[in-house]
Amino acid sequence: VWIFCASQWQWCTCQGKLRWGNAGKYQERKPSNNNTEIKVQCAVGSHGFKDVRPGDDGKHCDCQVEVGTPYFNSLNPLLLPKNSPLSPGTRLIGDCDIYRQGMMDGDHGKAQ
């Protein structure tokens, strides 16, 4: 599962693989040697990143997260992509769809 880590020019730290780019054009980096973590500045020229989408100011870094790992289980579920599996024994208690559905519940919701 790929999750957003940082916008262009910001720093990103991933436990595992990282990708830089936008809209289907990405460059990937892995931690070096025996490291499990990689930290990069999400910018052209940083860590050998090329400008994969010139003029696109939406370039960013994403982290690849393995489902079921302690790192995945520590993430706030609201940061995960919409169709990501949840950790075993958990359930989603909040997202935009749940909040929209609840807007009409009760007198307060109907008054909105």
Protein backbone atom coordinates (compact mmCIF):
# COMPACT_ATOMS: atom_id res chain seq x y z
CA VAL A 1 0.00 0.00 0.00
CA TRP A 2 1.39 3.44 -0.94
CA ILE A 3 0.66 6.28 1.49
CA PHE A 4 1.40 9.99 1.14
CA CYS A 5 4.50 11.09 3.05
CA ALA A 6 5.51 14.62 2.05
CA SER A 7 4.93 17.37 -0.51
CA GLN A 8 7.62 18.69 -2.82
CA TRP A 9 10.54 20.30 -0.93
CA GLN A 10 9.58 18.63 2.37
CA TRP A 11 11.36 15.75 4.10
CA CYS A 12 10.01 12.20 4.12
CA THR A 13 11.07 9.25 6.27
CA CYS A 14 9.90 5.77 5.25
CA GLN A 15 10.44 2.33 6.66
CA GLY A 16 10.99 0.60 3.36
CA LYS A 17 10.56 1.77 -0.22
CA LEU A 18 9.83 5.39 -1.14
CA ARG A 19 8.62 6.89 -4.41
CA TRP A 20 8.86 10.45 -5.78
CA GLY A 21 6.72 11.96 -8.54
CA ASN A 22 3.05 12.36 -9.40
CA ALA A 23 0.25 11.13 -11.67
CA GLY A 24 1.76 7.75 -12.51
CA LYS A 25 5.33 8.96 -13.12
CA TYR A 26 7.53 8.00 -10.19
CA GLN A 27 11.10 7.19 -9.25
CA GLU A 28 11.65 4.74 -6.41
CA ARG A 29 14.33 4.57 -3.74
CA LYS A 30 15.08 1.87 -1.17
CA PRO A 31 16.98 2.19 2.10
CA SER A 32 20.71 1.77 1.53
CA ASN A 33 22.75 -1.19 2.76
CA ASN A 34 21.17 -2.87 5.79
CA ASN A 35 19.04 0.11 6.81
CA THR A 36 15.31 -0.35 7.19
CA GLU A 37 14.56 3.37 6.98
CA ILE A 38 15.14 5.99 4.30
CA LYS A 39 14.98 9.77 4.78
CA VAL A 40 14.98 12.09 1.77
CA GLN A 41 14.06 15.60 0.79
CA CYS A 42 11.31 15.34 -1.81
CA ALA A 43 12.86 17.60 -4.41
CA VAL A 44 14.50 17.54 -7.83
CA GLY A 45 18.21 16.82 -7.40
CA SER A 46 17.83 15.38 -3.92
CA HIS A 47 19.04 11.77 -3.75
CA GLY A 48 19.34 11.70 -7.53
CA PHE A 49 15.68 12.51 -8.15
CA LYS A 50 15.06 13.78 -11.67
CA ASP A 51 12.16 16.04 -12.63
CA VAL A 52 9.76 13.33 -13.81
CA ARG A 53 6.96 15.87 -14.41
CA PRO A 54 8.41 19.29 -15.30
CA GLY A 55 6.09 22.13 -14.31
CA ASP A 56 3.95 19.91 -12.06
CA ASP A 57 3.91 21.38 -8.56
CA GLY A 58 2.02 18.36 -7.20
CA LYS A 59 5.09 16.11 -7.05
CA HIS A 60 5.39 14.38 -3.70
CA CYS A 61 6.81 11.38 -1.86
CA ASP A 62 4.88 8.25 -0.91
CA CYS A 63 5.94 5.38 1.36
CA GLN A 64 5.23 1.77 0.56
CA VAL A 65 3.81 0.13 3.66
CA GLU A 66 3.44 -3.62 4.12
CA VAL A 67 0.01 -4.57 5.43
CA GLY A 68 0.13 -6.25 8.84
CA THR A 69 3.56 -4.94 9.86
CA PRO A 70 3.96 -3.07 13.15
CA TYR A 71 4.52 0.14 11.15
CA PHE A 72 1.27 -0.35 9.19
CA ASN A 73 -0.60 -1.14 12.40
CA SER A 74 0.72 2.07 13.99
CA LEU A 75 -0.67 4.33 11.23
CA ASN A 76 -3.74 6.46 11.73
CA PRO A 77 -6.38 4.74 9.54
CA LEU A 78 -7.48 8.12 8.20
CA LEU A 79 -4.08 8.39 6.46
CA LEU A 80 -4.57 5.18 4.51
CA PRO A 81 -6.01 5.08 0.99
CA LYS A 82 -9.77 4.51 0.95
CA ASN A 83 -9.74 0.79 0.09
CA SER A 84 -6.77 -0.23 2.25
CA PRO A 85 -7.23 -3.25 4.47
CA LEU A 86 -7.36 -2.50 8.18
CA SER A 87 -5.32 -4.22 10.84
CA PRO A 88 -6.86 -7.45 12.16
CA GLY A 89 -9.45 -6.84 14.86
CA THR A 90 -10.04 -3.19 13.95
CA ARG A 91 -12.84 -1.34 12.24
CA LEU A 92 -13.04 2.06 10.63
CA ILE A 93 -14.87 4.53 12.85
CA GLY A 94 -14.37 7.72 10.86
CA ASP A 95 -13.96 8.83 7.27
CA CYS A 96 -15.58 11.44 5.04
CA ASP A 97 -18.35 9.07 3.94
CA ILE A 98 -19.23 8.12 7.52
CA TYR A 99 -19.29 11.79 8.55
CA ARG A 100 -21.45 12.76 5.55
CA GLN A 101 -23.93 10.01 6.38
CA GLY A 102 -24.05 11.14 10.00
CA MET A 103 -24.74 14.77 9.11
CA MET A 104 -28.45 14.09 9.00
CA ASP A 105 -28.64 12.05 12.21
CA GLY A 106 -30.63 13.51 15.06
CA ASP A 107 -31.94 17.04 15.54
CA HIS A 108 -28.49 18.62 15.35
CA GLY A 109 -27.70 16.92 12.04
CA LYS A 110 -31.02 17.90 10.51
CA ALA A 111 -30.45 21.52 11.55
CA GLN A 112 -27.25 21.70 9.48
